[in-house]
């Protein structure tokens, strides 16, 4: 638990009593009904605090990196989250472009020529809807008569009509270069064309005839070049592509000030949230998922799903434009999460990637659009259902008691009424500017707040009242007036000291009343 660092600067002469306020994160002062100075001579009873707090209040103030929620059954839950992997369609389309760019210029050497649309990674395109791209063509006539050429792409269509190029080339004189015609300075814009394939290829049909109606074979130099394709939609077997991102971490600040002891969470979970509009079988691959403990140990998450991966939900070809979402939960039944998250976790390191078409089944056709994306997020949930034994935290605060020169001794009295099943023990050490211990708040660490009793399922059954005193006679009080800082060590114990898990609920609270009696010795 993280202790607030601004309390001592706001309290003034009640600095010792503020030790109790450190545990409640509150500096509201009100009348203390039972502060009684009747048994003292020349003494002053000072009411310091009359307030209440809940674990909800404490955690909202202290847990900077988490979200605190109350579950439907009233149980408090700490939740830490981070993004794992976010990908859009760029990688898939880049793979298609890589395959197509490897074709280079394509020579037309026969009346029907195939442009293969598959690649070494298994890419097989059934359909592509283009939003950009250019086609260059070159026609050559080495025949002595004028020819008319027709180049047709039967499965490259716009508004249902196939792409067709018809040109007439003059006769070849027989000397020098053959007659050539091209569109290098005016390429065909392929935007809004839809490409389908036949036997995993796009076919180009070439026909040329001379002025006498005789068919003429394609001359050397006849060909096409496609470049700069951009897609709004692609369908087929879209290959096996690994999507990776940089490793990341989630910091868990619950144990920031931990110094000793054990905390056990009964039902912690790690949840992967999948949101996916890719129509492709995809599997999350957990390359690393390690919990770093307060002792510096690295504890890997172990599960068959870590070994085998986790499959994404994905829309089918009949669900283009839809988004599929699901949660996958690592819990105590399918992993070692309870063991590793009860080690005092301070951080989680993870490295998660995703593989498309992980089984390599080319019969499974999928799709991707230019707006397709998937997002994987990870959440670590720590429901406050468990136990703590000797769980200690430490923090140090600046302190000045110079305003108390007129007082020779002091006694502080605290009355608590606790509905939470958590006991709090405390010890404070007054140190001078050199760090030397001048005195301690108590002779021994004591439980200033006793935990409420619980039933068989760990829910409190009654309110526990505790009264504590801290006495500073003249000799002790004189020593601590030179203190420049106070080191606070707080220790937490759940009711039954770890023999039973208890439940921390949002409506459980602790009422605290604190008073001080200051006096002059009369010397």
Protein backbone atom coordinates (compact mmCIF):
# COMPACT_ATOMS: atom_id res chain seq x y z
CA UNK A 1 0.00 0.00 0.00
CA UNK A 2 1.33 3.43 -0.92
CA UNK A 3 1.31 6.02 1.87
CA UNK A 4 0.55 9.68 1.07
CA UNK A 5 3.53 12.05 1.29
CA UNK A 6 1.79 15.33 2.00
CA UNK A 7 0.24 14.62 5.37
CA UNK A 8 2.91 15.87 7.75
CA UNK A 9 3.20 19.22 6.03
CA UNK A 10 -0.52 19.85 6.59
CA UNK A 11 -0.90 18.93 10.27
CA UNK A 12 1.48 21.10 12.32
CA UNK A 13 1.69 20.33 16.05
CA UNK A 14 -0.25 17.06 15.79
CA UNK A 15 2.54 15.41 13.79
CA UNK A 16 2.77 12.31 15.96
CA UNK A 17 -0.96 11.69 15.74
CA UNK A 18 -0.66 11.98 11.98
CA UNK A 19 0.95 8.57 11.96
CA UNK A 20 -2.54 7.19 12.27
CA UNK A 21 -3.73 9.44 9.47
CA UNK A 22 -1.10 7.92 7.23
CA UNK A 23 -3.06 4.73 7.39
CA UNK A 24 -6.34 6.35 6.43
CA UNK A 25 -5.19 8.88 3.86
CA UNK A 26 -7.30 11.66 5.38
CA UNK A 27 -6.53 14.94 7.17
CA UNK A 28 -10.01 16.02 8.25
CA UNK A 29 -10.18 17.29 11.86
CA UNK A 30 -13.34 17.22 13.97
CA UNK A 31 -14.33 17.03 17.65
CA UNK A 32 -13.33 13.87 19.49
CA UNK A 33 -16.16 13.12 21.86
CA UNK A 34 -14.26 11.09 24.46
CA UNK A 35 -10.92 12.95 24.64
CA UNK A 36 -10.74 13.18 28.43
CA UNK A 37 -8.22 15.38 30.28
CA UNK A 38 -9.80 15.20 33.72
CA UNK A 39 -6.98 13.09 35.20
CA UNK A 40 -4.24 15.58 34.31
CA UNK A 41 -2.95 18.84 35.90
CA UNK A 42 -2.13 21.77 33.56
CA UNK A 43 -2.90 19.63 30.58
CA UNK A 44 -4.81 20.20 27.36
CA UNK A 45 -7.04 17.62 25.68
CA UNK A 46 -7.00 18.20 21.92
CA UNK A 47 -9.47 16.45 19.61
CA UNK A 48 -7.64 15.65 16.38
CA UNK A 49 -9.76 13.37 14.23
CA UNK A 50 -13.23 11.93 13.89
CA UNK A 51 -13.61 10.31 10.49
CA UNK A 52 -14.09 7.08 8.56
CA UNK A 53 -12.62 5.45 5.48
CA UNK A 54 -13.06 2.32 3.38
CA UNK A 55 -10.67 0.17 1.40
CA UNK A 56 -12.29 1.69 -1.66
CA UNK A 57 -11.09 5.13 -0.47
CA UNK A 58 -7.58 3.85 0.25
CA UNK A 59 -7.07 2.11 -3.07
CA UNK A 60 -8.51 4.96 -5.12
CA UNK A 61 -5.94 7.26 -3.51
CA UNK A 62 -2.97 4.93 -3.61
CA UNK A 63 -3.21 2.74 -6.71
CA UNK A 64 -2.09 5.10 -9.48
CA UNK A 65 -1.74 2.51 -12.26
CA UNK A 66 -4.95 0.58 -11.71
CA UNK A 67 -8.71 0.83 -12.02
CA UNK A 68 -10.69 0.02 -8.89
CA UNK A 69 -14.14 -1.45 -9.42
CA UNK A 70 -16.82 -3.03 -7.26
CA UNK A 71 -18.05 -6.36 -8.60
CA UNK A 72 -21.77 -7.23 -8.56
CA UNK A 73 -21.36 -9.15 -5.30
CA UNK A 74 -19.72 -6.10 -3.67
CA UNK A 75 -16.17 -7.44 -3.88
CA UNK A 76 -13.46 -4.89 -4.68
CA UNK A 77 -11.21 -5.55 -7.67
CA UNK A 78 -7.95 -3.98 -8.81
CA UNK A 79 -7.44 -4.08 -12.57
CA UNK A 80 -4.24 -3.33 -14.46
CA UNK A 81 -4.27 -3.21 -18.25
CA UNK A 82 -2.10 -2.60 -21.29
CA UNK A 83 -2.23 -3.00 -25.07
CA UNK A 84 -0.56 -6.09 -26.48
CA UNK A 85 -0.94 -6.01 -30.23
CA UNK A 86 -2.65 -3.74 -32.74
CA UNK A 87 -2.48 -4.47 -36.47
CA UNK A 88 -4.29 -3.26 -39.57
CA UNK A 89 -4.42 -4.60 -43.12
CA UNK A 90 -1.08 -3.16 -44.20
CA UNK A 91 0.93 -6.33 -43.54
CA UNK A 92 -1.44 -8.50 -45.58
CA UNK A 93 -1.55 -6.09 -48.49
CA UNK A 94 2.21 -5.67 -48.34
CA UNK A 95 2.55 -9.44 -48.76
CA UNK A 96 0.30 -9.31 -51.84
CA UNK A 97 2.30 -6.43 -53.29
CA UNK A 98 5.56 -8.25 -52.64
CA UNK A 99 4.28 -11.23 -54.59
CA UNK A 100 3.04 -9.11 -57.49
CA UNK A 101 6.12 -6.90 -57.63
CA UNK A 102 8.21 -10.04 -58.02
CA UNK A 103 6.53 -10.65 -61.35
CA UNK A 104 8.17 -7.61 -62.96
CA UNK A 105 7.28 -6.98 -66.59
CA UNK A 106 5.29 -9.84 -68.08
CA UNK A 107 6.02 -10.80 -71.68
CA UNK A 108 3.05 -11.84 -73.83
CA UNK A 109 4.26 -14.77 -75.94
CA UNK A 110 1.04 -16.59 -76.71
CA UNK A 111 -2.64 -15.96 -77.24
CA UNK A 112 -3.42 -16.78 -73.60
CA UNK A 113 -0.89 -15.89 -70.94
CA UNK A 114 -1.18 -16.50 -67.19
CA UNK A 115 -0.19 -13.95 -64.57
CA UNK A 116 0.31 -16.08 -61.43
CA UNK A 117 -1.18 -14.59 -58.28
CA UNK A 118 0.36 -16.86 -55.69
CA UNK A 119 3.56 -16.65 -53.73
CA UNK A 120 6.12 -18.77 -51.87
CA UNK A 121 4.35 -18.06 -48.55
CA UNK A 122 1.23 -19.74 -49.90
CA UNK A 123 -0.63 -16.59 -50.96
CA UNK A 124 -3.52 -17.47 -53.28
CA UNK A 125 -5.75 -14.59 -54.40
CA UNK A 126 -9.36 -15.27 -55.39
CA UNK A 127 -10.50 -11.66 -55.60
CA UNK A 128 -9.02 -8.19 -55.19
CA UNK A 129 -10.92 -4.92 -55.21
CA UNK A 130 -8.50 -2.18 -56.22
CA UNK A 131 -8.50 1.41 -55.09
CA UNK A 132 -5.27 2.32 -56.86
CA UNK A 133 -2.71 0.92 -59.26
CA UNK A 134 -1.30 1.40 -62.73
CA UNK A 135 -1.00 -0.83 -65.78
CA UNK A 136 1.55 -0.21 -68.50
CA UNK A 137 1.42 -2.04 -71.83
CA UNK A 138 3.66 -2.29 -74.85
CA UNK A 139 2.58 -3.49 -78.35
CA UNK A 140 4.97 -4.31 -81.20
CA UNK A 141 4.43 -4.97 -84.92
CA UNK A 142 7.19 -6.59 -86.91
CA UNK A 143 4.80 -7.57 -89.72
CA UNK A 144 4.85 -5.94 -93.13
CA UNK A 145 1.19 -5.04 -92.91
CA UNK A 146 -0.84 -2.93 -90.51
CA UNK A 147 -2.18 -4.95 -87.57
CA UNK A 148 -4.97 -4.49 -85.05
CA UNK A 149 -4.28 -5.92 -81.60
CA UNK A 150 -6.76 -6.72 -78.86
CA UNK A 151 -5.53 -7.43 -75.34
CA UNK A 152 -8.27 -8.57 -72.93
CA UNK A 153 -8.24 -9.37 -69.21
CA UNK A 154 -11.43 -11.42 -68.80
CA UNK A 155 -11.36 -11.41 -64.97
CA UNK A 156 -10.26 -7.78 -64.46
CA UNK A 157 -13.51 -5.88 -64.56
CA UNK A 158 -14.92 -2.45 -63.88
CA UNK A 159 -18.68 -2.01 -63.74
CA UNK A 160 -18.92 -5.61 -64.95
CA UNK A 161 -16.91 -4.99 -68.12
CA UNK A 162 -13.51 -6.66 -68.66
CA UNK A 163 -10.43 -4.51 -69.19
CA UNK A 164 -9.77 -4.46 -72.95
CA UNK A 165 -7.07 -2.67 -74.93
CA UNK A 166 -7.52 -2.31 -78.72
CA UNK A 167 -4.84 -0.58 -80.81
CA UNK A 168 -3.78 -0.40 -84.44
CA UNK A 169 -0.09 -0.40 -85.38
CA UNK A 170 1.25 0.58 -88.80
CA UNK A 171 3.25 -1.79 -91.03
CA UNK A 172 6.92 -2.52 -90.41
CA UNK A 173 9.19 -1.24 -93.16
CA UNK A 174 11.68 -4.05 -92.71
CA UNK A 175 14.48 -1.75 -91.57
CA UNK A 176 15.48 -0.66 -88.06
CA UNK A 177 13.28 -1.16 -85.03
CA UNK A 178 9.86 -2.76 -85.32
CA UNK A 179 6.86 -0.49 -84.89
CA UNK A 180 6.07 -0.03 -81.19
CA UNK A 181 3.18 1.56 -79.33
CA UNK A 182 2.97 1.96 -75.53
CA UNK A 183 1.22 3.95 -72.81
CA UNK A 184 4.25 4.65 -70.63
CA UNK A 185 3.20 8.30 -70.27
CA UNK A 186 -0.49 7.55 -69.86
CA UNK A 187 -0.91 4.32 -67.86
CA UNK A 188 -4.29 2.77 -67.17
CA UNK A 189 -5.65 3.68 -63.72
CA UNK A 190 -6.80 0.44 -62.08
CA UNK A 191 -8.87 2.11 -59.34
CA UNK A 192 -12.33 0.54 -58.96
CA UNK A 193 -11.39 -2.57 -60.93
CA UNK A 194 -12.24 -5.95 -59.39
CA UNK A 195 -9.83 -8.77 -60.09
CA UNK A 196 -10.82 -12.40 -59.82
CA UNK A 197 -8.64 -15.37 -60.62
CA UNK A 198 -8.96 -18.57 -62.59
CA UNK A 199 -6.83 -21.48 -61.42
CA UNK A 200 -4.93 -19.07 -59.15
CA UNK A 201 -4.00 -16.86 -62.12
CA UNK A 202 -5.11 -13.83 -64.06
CA UNK A 203 -5.20 -14.58 -67.78
CA UNK A 204 -4.34 -12.15 -70.56
CA UNK A 205 -5.84 -12.95 -73.96
CA UNK A 206 -3.96 -11.53 -76.93
CA UNK A 207 -5.19 -11.48 -80.50
CA UNK A 208 -3.76 -9.62 -83.50
CA UNK A 209 -4.69 -9.73 -87.17
CA UNK A 210 -3.40 -7.91 -90.21
CA UNK A 211 -5.37 -5.94 -92.75
CA UNK A 212 -6.11 -9.15 -94.65
CA UNK A 213 -7.65 -10.77 -91.56
CA UNK A 214 -4.70 -13.06 -90.95
CA UNK A 215 -3.87 -13.83 -87.33
CA UNK A 216 -0.46 -12.55 -86.30
CA UNK A 217 1.54 -14.03 -83.38
CA UNK A 218 2.79 -11.62 -80.70
CA UNK A 219 6.18 -10.13 -81.52
CA UNK A 220 9.05 -9.88 -79.08
CA UNK A 221 8.51 -6.89 -76.78
CA UNK A 222 4.77 -7.27 -76.31
CA UNK A 223 4.03 -7.23 -72.61
CA UNK A 224 2.50 -5.53 -69.56
CA UNK A 225 3.66 -4.15 -66.22
CA UNK A 226 1.48 -3.66 -63.12
CA UNK A 227 2.63 -1.39 -60.27
CA UNK A 228 1.42 0.52 -57.24
CA UNK A 229 -1.54 -1.66 -56.40
CA UNK A 230 -3.62 -0.64 -53.41
CA UNK A 231 -6.56 -2.68 -52.24
CA UNK A 232 -9.87 -2.04 -50.58
CA UNK A 233 -10.60 -5.76 -50.37
CA UNK A 234 -8.77 -9.04 -50.89
CA UNK A 235 -10.12 -12.57 -50.69
CA UNK A 236 -8.49 -15.97 -50.86
CA UNK A 237 -5.86 -17.88 -48.96
CA UNK A 238 -3.90 -14.89 -47.77
CA UNK A 239 -0.74 -16.65 -46.70
CA UNK A 240 1.01 -17.29 -43.40
CA UNK A 241 2.13 -13.96 -42.02
CA UNK A 242 3.58 -13.25 -38.60
CA UNK A 243 2.49 -9.97 -37.01
CA UNK A 244 4.78 -8.93 -34.20
CA UNK A 245 5.14 -5.93 -31.93
CA UNK A 246 7.71 -4.75 -29.43
CA UNK A 247 7.72 -6.38 -25.97
CA UNK A 248 5.88 -4.36 -23.33
CA UNK A 249 5.18 -4.34 -19.59
CA UNK A 250 2.48 -3.62 -17.03
CA UNK A 251 3.56 -2.11 -13.71
CA UNK A 252 1.64 -3.23 -10.63
CA UNK A 253 2.05 -0.59 -7.92
CA UNK A 254 0.20 -2.47 -5.17
CA UNK A 255 3.58 -3.67 -3.88
CA UNK A 256 5.55 -0.44 -4.38
CA UNK A 257 6.51 -0.07 -0.72
CA UNK A 258 6.62 -3.76 0.18
CA UNK A 259 9.32 -4.83 2.63
CA UNK A 260 8.22 -8.28 3.84
CA UNK A 261 5.37 -10.73 4.29
CA UNK A 262 2.97 -12.60 2.03
CA UNK A 263 -0.20 -11.73 0.16
CA UNK A 264 -2.37 -14.37 -1.49
CA UNK A 265 -5.07 -13.64 -4.07
CA UNK A 266 -7.69 -16.38 -4.21
CA UNK A 267 -8.97 -15.89 -7.77
CA UNK A 268 -6.66 -13.67 -9.87
CA UNK A 269 -7.12 -13.75 -13.63
CA UNK A 270 -5.34 -12.50 -16.73
CA UNK A 271 -7.71 -11.73 -19.58
CA UNK A 272 -6.87 -11.35 -23.26
CA UNK A 273 -9.50 -9.19 -25.01
CA UNK A 274 -9.67 -9.94 -28.76
CA UNK A 275 -11.36 -7.59 -31.23
CA UNK A 276 -10.96 -8.63 -34.86
CA UNK A 277 -12.42 -7.63 -38.23
CA UNK A 278 -9.92 -9.65 -40.30
CA UNK A 279 -11.65 -12.57 -42.00
CA UNK A 280 -8.58 -14.76 -41.59
CA UNK A 281 -7.83 -17.57 -39.12
CA UNK A 282 -5.33 -16.01 -36.73
CA UNK A 283 -3.60 -17.34 -33.64
CA UNK A 284 -2.03 -15.33 -30.84
CA UNK A 285 1.42 -16.62 -29.97
CA UNK A 286 2.64 -15.78 -26.47
CA UNK A 287 6.40 -15.63 -26.87
CA UNK A 288 6.87 -14.39 -23.30
CA UNK A 289 4.63 -13.69 -20.32
CA UNK A 290 6.64 -13.28 -17.12
CA UNK A 291 5.73 -11.94 -13.71
CA UNK A 292 8.49 -10.09 -11.85
CA UNK A 293 8.15 -10.49 -8.08
CA UNK A 294 9.15 -8.10 -5.31
CA UNK A 295 12.11 -10.40 -4.66
CA UNK A 296 13.31 -9.92 -8.24
CA UNK A 297 12.33 -13.43 -9.35
CA UNK A 298 11.08 -14.03 -12.89
CA UNK A 299 8.07 -16.36 -12.90
CA UNK A 300 6.70 -17.45 -16.30
CA UNK A 301 3.00 -17.96 -16.88
CA UNK A 302 2.50 -21.64 -17.70
CA UNK A 303 -0.47 -23.07 -19.57
CA UNK A 304 -1.23 -25.29 -22.54
CA UNK A 305 -2.54 -22.13 -24.21
CA UNK A 306 0.87 -20.51 -23.81
CA UNK A 307 2.36 -23.56 -25.54
CA UNK A 308 -0.28 -23.95 -28.25
CA UNK A 309 -1.45 -20.35 -28.73
CA UNK A 310 -4.91 -18.78 -28.58
CA UNK A 311 -7.16 -18.59 -31.64
CA UNK A 312 -8.83 -15.30 -32.52
CA UNK A 313 -12.50 -15.13 -33.40
CA UNK A 314 -12.92 -13.96 -37.00
CA UNK A 315 -15.78 -13.08 -39.37
CA UNK A 316 -16.50 -15.44 -42.27
CA UNK A 317 -16.89 -14.54 -45.95
CA UNK A 318 -20.59 -14.01 -45.26
CA UNK A 319 -19.77 -11.51 -42.52
CA UNK A 320 -17.56 -8.98 -44.33
CA UNK A 321 -17.55 -5.70 -42.41
CA UNK A 322 -18.41 -7.28 -39.08
CA UNK A 323 -16.18 -7.30 -35.99
CA UNK A 324 -15.80 -10.31 -33.73
CA UNK A 325 -14.87 -10.00 -30.07
CA UNK A 326 -14.15 -12.43 -27.29
CA UNK A 327 -12.23 -12.74 -24.05
CA UNK A 328 -9.81 -15.49 -23.18
CA UNK A 329 -9.12 -15.91 -19.47
CA UNK A 330 -6.11 -17.45 -17.79
CA UNK A 331 -7.29 -18.57 -14.36
CA UNK A 332 -6.29 -20.98 -11.62
CA UNK A 333 -7.87 -23.90 -13.54
CA UNK A 334 -5.89 -23.57 -16.78
CA UNK A 335 -2.61 -22.03 -15.63
CA UNK A 336 -0.28 -21.34 -12.71
CA UNK A 337 -1.58 -17.77 -12.40
CA UNK A 338 -2.56 -18.05 -8.74
CA UNK A 339 0.96 -19.07 -7.78
CA UNK A 340 2.80 -16.41 -9.75
CA UNK A 341 0.42 -13.54 -8.90
CA UNK A 342 0.63 -14.37 -5.22
CA UNK A 343 4.38 -13.81 -5.29
CA UNK A 344 4.11 -10.06 -4.80
CA UNK A 345 4.06 -9.02 -8.48
CA UNK A 346 5.54 -5.62 -9.31
CA UNK A 347 5.57 -5.92 -13.12
CA UNK A 348 4.51 -8.17 -15.97
CA UNK A 349 6.62 -8.45 -19.11
CA UNK A 350 4.96 -9.81 -22.23
CA UNK A 351 5.76 -10.37 -25.89
CA UNK A 352 2.81 -11.47 -27.99
CA UNK A 353 2.66 -11.95 -31.76
CA UNK A 354 0.01 -13.31 -34.13
CA UNK A 355 0.18 -15.79 -37.02
CA UNK A 356 -2.36 -15.82 -39.84
CA UNK A 357 -3.51 -19.17 -41.22
CA UNK A 358 -1.49 -20.99 -38.56
CA UNK A 359 -2.61 -24.45 -39.75
CA UNK A 360 -1.68 -23.75 -43.37
CA UNK A 361 -5.01 -25.04 -44.68
CA UNK A 362 -5.34 -23.54 -48.17
CA UNK A 363 -8.94 -24.70 -48.39
CA UNK A 364 -9.87 -22.12 -45.76
CA UNK A 365 -10.49 -18.90 -47.67
CA UNK A 366 -10.53 -15.58 -45.89
CA UNK A 367 -10.71 -11.87 -46.57
CA UNK A 368 -9.28 -8.55 -45.50
CA UNK A 369 -10.45 -5.00 -46.14
CA UNK A 370 -8.52 -1.76 -45.97
CA UNK A 371 -10.29 -1.02 -42.67
CA UNK A 372 -9.66 -4.44 -41.13
CA UNK A 373 -7.79 -4.50 -37.84
CA UNK A 374 -7.38 -6.54 -34.75
CA UNK A 375 -6.59 -5.40 -31.26
CA UNK A 376 -5.43 -7.58 -28.41
CA UNK A 377 -5.44 -6.12 -24.91
CA UNK A 378 -4.35 -7.71 -21.67
CA UNK A 379 -5.92 -7.12 -18.26
CA UNK A 380 -4.69 -8.31 -14.89
CA UNK A 381 -7.50 -8.62 -12.32
CA UNK A 382 -6.78 -8.90 -8.61
CA UNK A 383 -10.08 -9.35 -6.73
CA UNK A 384 -9.55 -8.48 -3.08
CA UNK A 385 -10.37 -11.99 -1.95
CA UNK A 386 -7.46 -13.70 -0.24
CA UNK A 387 -5.21 -13.31 2.74
CA UNK A 388 -2.17 -11.39 3.96
CA UNK A 389 0.30 -12.30 6.70
CA UNK A 390 2.90 -9.84 7.96
CA UNK A 391 2.56 -7.83 4.74
CA UNK A 392 4.75 -4.84 5.48
CA UNK A 393 5.22 -1.52 3.74
CA UNK A 394 7.61 1.29 4.55
CA UNK A 395 7.80 4.97 3.73
CA UNK A 396 9.64 7.99 5.15
CA UNK A 397 8.34 11.53 5.66
CA UNK A 398 9.82 14.89 6.60
CA UNK A 399 8.93 15.97 10.13
CA UNK A 400 9.24 19.12 12.24
CA UNK A 401 8.23 19.30 15.92
CA UNK A 402 9.62 22.78 16.60
CA UNK A 403 6.08 24.09 17.25
CA UNK A 404 5.83 21.89 20.34
CA UNK A 405 8.46 23.73 22.45
CA UNK A 406 5.79 24.69 24.97
CA UNK A 407 4.82 21.06 25.68
CA UNK A 408 6.81 18.61 27.79
CA UNK A 409 4.92 15.38 27.29
CA UNK A 410 2.10 13.94 25.22
CA UNK A 411 -0.27 11.00 25.07
CA UNK A 412 -2.23 9.99 22.00
CA UNK A 413 -5.38 7.90 22.08
CA UNK A 414 -7.01 6.21 19.10
CA UNK A 415 -10.40 4.47 19.02
CA UNK A 416 -11.24 2.46 15.89
CA UNK A 417 -14.35 0.58 14.78
CA UNK A 418 -13.39 -1.73 11.93
CA UNK A 419 -15.83 -3.50 9.59
CA UNK A 420 -13.03 -4.74 7.30
CA UNK A 421 -11.39 -8.15 7.87
CA UNK A 422 -7.95 -6.51 7.91
CA UNK A 423 -5.78 -5.74 10.92
CA UNK A 424 -3.11 -3.05 10.69
CA UNK A 425 0.01 -3.05 12.81
CA UNK A 426 2.27 -0.03 12.85
CA UNK A 427 5.64 1.15 14.06
CA UNK A 428 7.24 4.52 13.52
CA UNK A 429 10.88 5.54 13.87
CA UNK A 430 11.85 9.15 14.57
CA UNK A 431 15.16 9.97 12.90
CA UNK A 432 17.43 13.00 13.06
CA UNK A 433 19.01 14.77 10.08
CA UNK A 434 21.84 12.18 10.03
CA UNK A 435 19.37 9.29 9.88
CA UNK A 436 19.93 8.14 13.47
CA UNK A 437 16.93 6.62 15.25
CA UNK A 438 15.94 8.83 18.21
CA UNK A 439 12.96 6.80 19.39
CA UNK A 440 10.06 4.71 18.15
CA UNK A 441 6.38 5.47 18.35
CA UNK A 442 5.62 2.25 20.23
CA UNK A 443 7.83 0.00 22.31
CA UNK A 444 6.77 -2.81 19.96
CA UNK A 445 4.84 -2.89 16.71
CA UNK A 446 1.19 -3.17 17.69
CA UNK A 447 -2.05 -3.65 15.83
CA UNK A 448 -3.64 -0.24 16.05
CA UNK A 449 -6.64 -1.51 14.06
CA UNK A 450 -7.93 -5.02 14.65
CA UNK A 451 -9.70 -6.87 11.81
CA UNK A 452 -13.38 -7.75 11.92
CA UNK A 453 -14.36 -11.41 12.49
CA UNK A 454 -15.51 -13.37 9.41
CA UNK A 455 -17.80 -16.25 8.54
CA UNK A 456 -17.03 -19.42 6.60
CA UNK A 457 -16.81 -17.63 3.25
CA UNK A 458 -14.64 -14.81 4.55
CA UNK A 459 -17.26 -12.07 4.94
CA UNK A 460 -17.22 -9.96 8.13
CA UNK A 461 -19.88 -10.74 10.74
CA UNK A 462 -19.35 -7.90 13.25
CA UNK A 463 -17.55 -4.61 13.85
CA UNK A 464 -14.28 -4.79 15.83
CA UNK A 465 -13.43 -1.96 18.25
CA UNK A 466 -9.81 -1.29 19.28
CA UNK A 467 -8.37 1.33 21.66
CA UNK A 468 -4.64 2.14 21.64
CA UNK A 469 -2.43 4.62 23.49
CA UNK A 470 0.98 6.04 22.72
CA UNK A 471 2.61 7.72 25.73
CA UNK A 472 5.50 10.21 25.40
CA UNK A 473 6.67 11.35 28.87
CA UNK A 474 9.06 14.29 29.17
CA UNK A 475 12.29 12.36 28.57
CA UNK A 476 11.01 10.64 25.41
CA UNK A 477 9.22 13.76 24.19
CA UNK A 478 12.40 15.84 24.46
CA UNK A 479 14.34 13.37 22.32
CA UNK A 480 11.94 13.37 19.41
CA UNK A 481 11.74 17.17 19.20
CA UNK A 482 14.97 17.00 17.19
CA UNK A 483 13.52 14.55 14.68
CA UNK A 484 13.63 15.61 11.05
CA UNK A 485 11.85 12.61 9.56
CA UNK A 486 9.58 9.75 10.51
CA UNK A 487 9.96 6.30 9.01
CA UNK A 488 6.66 4.45 9.06
CA UNK A 489 6.40 0.67 8.84
CA UNK A 490 2.84 -0.63 8.50
CA UNK A 491 2.02 -4.33 8.60
CA UNK A 492 -1.24 -5.85 7.39
CA UNK A 493 -2.86 -9.09 8.50
CA UNK A 494 -6.16 -10.46 7.30
CA UNK A 495 -8.47 -11.88 9.96
CA UNK A 496 -7.37 -15.44 10.94
CA UNK A 497 -3.76 -14.54 9.97
CA UNK A 498 -3.77 -16.35 6.65
CA UNK A 499 -5.66 -19.45 7.73
CA UNK A 500 -8.64 -18.39 5.63
CA UNK A 501 -9.21 -16.14 2.62
CA UNK A 502 -11.35 -13.07 3.34
CA UNK A 503 -13.37 -10.76 1.13
CA UNK A 504 -12.80 -6.99 0.97
CA UNK A 505 -16.07 -5.31 0.00
CA UNK A 506 -16.73 -1.80 -1.25
CA UNK A 507 -19.01 -0.85 1.66
CA UNK A 508 -16.75 -2.02 4.51
CA UNK A 509 -15.35 0.91 6.44
CA UNK A 510 -13.26 1.88 9.48
CA UNK A 511 -14.26 4.66 11.87
CA UNK A 512 -11.35 6.45 13.53
CA UNK A 513 -11.29 8.89 16.45
CA UNK A 514 -7.97 10.34 17.57
CA UNK A 515 -7.10 12.70 20.41
CA UNK A 516 -3.97 14.07 22.08
CA UNK A 517 -3.24 15.29 25.59
CA UNK A 518 -0.34 17.74 25.83
CA UNK A 519 0.98 18.97 29.15
CA UNK A 520 3.71 20.89 30.99
CA UNK A 521 5.66 18.99 33.64
CA UNK A 522 5.64 21.95 36.05
CA UNK A 523 9.43 22.07 36.42
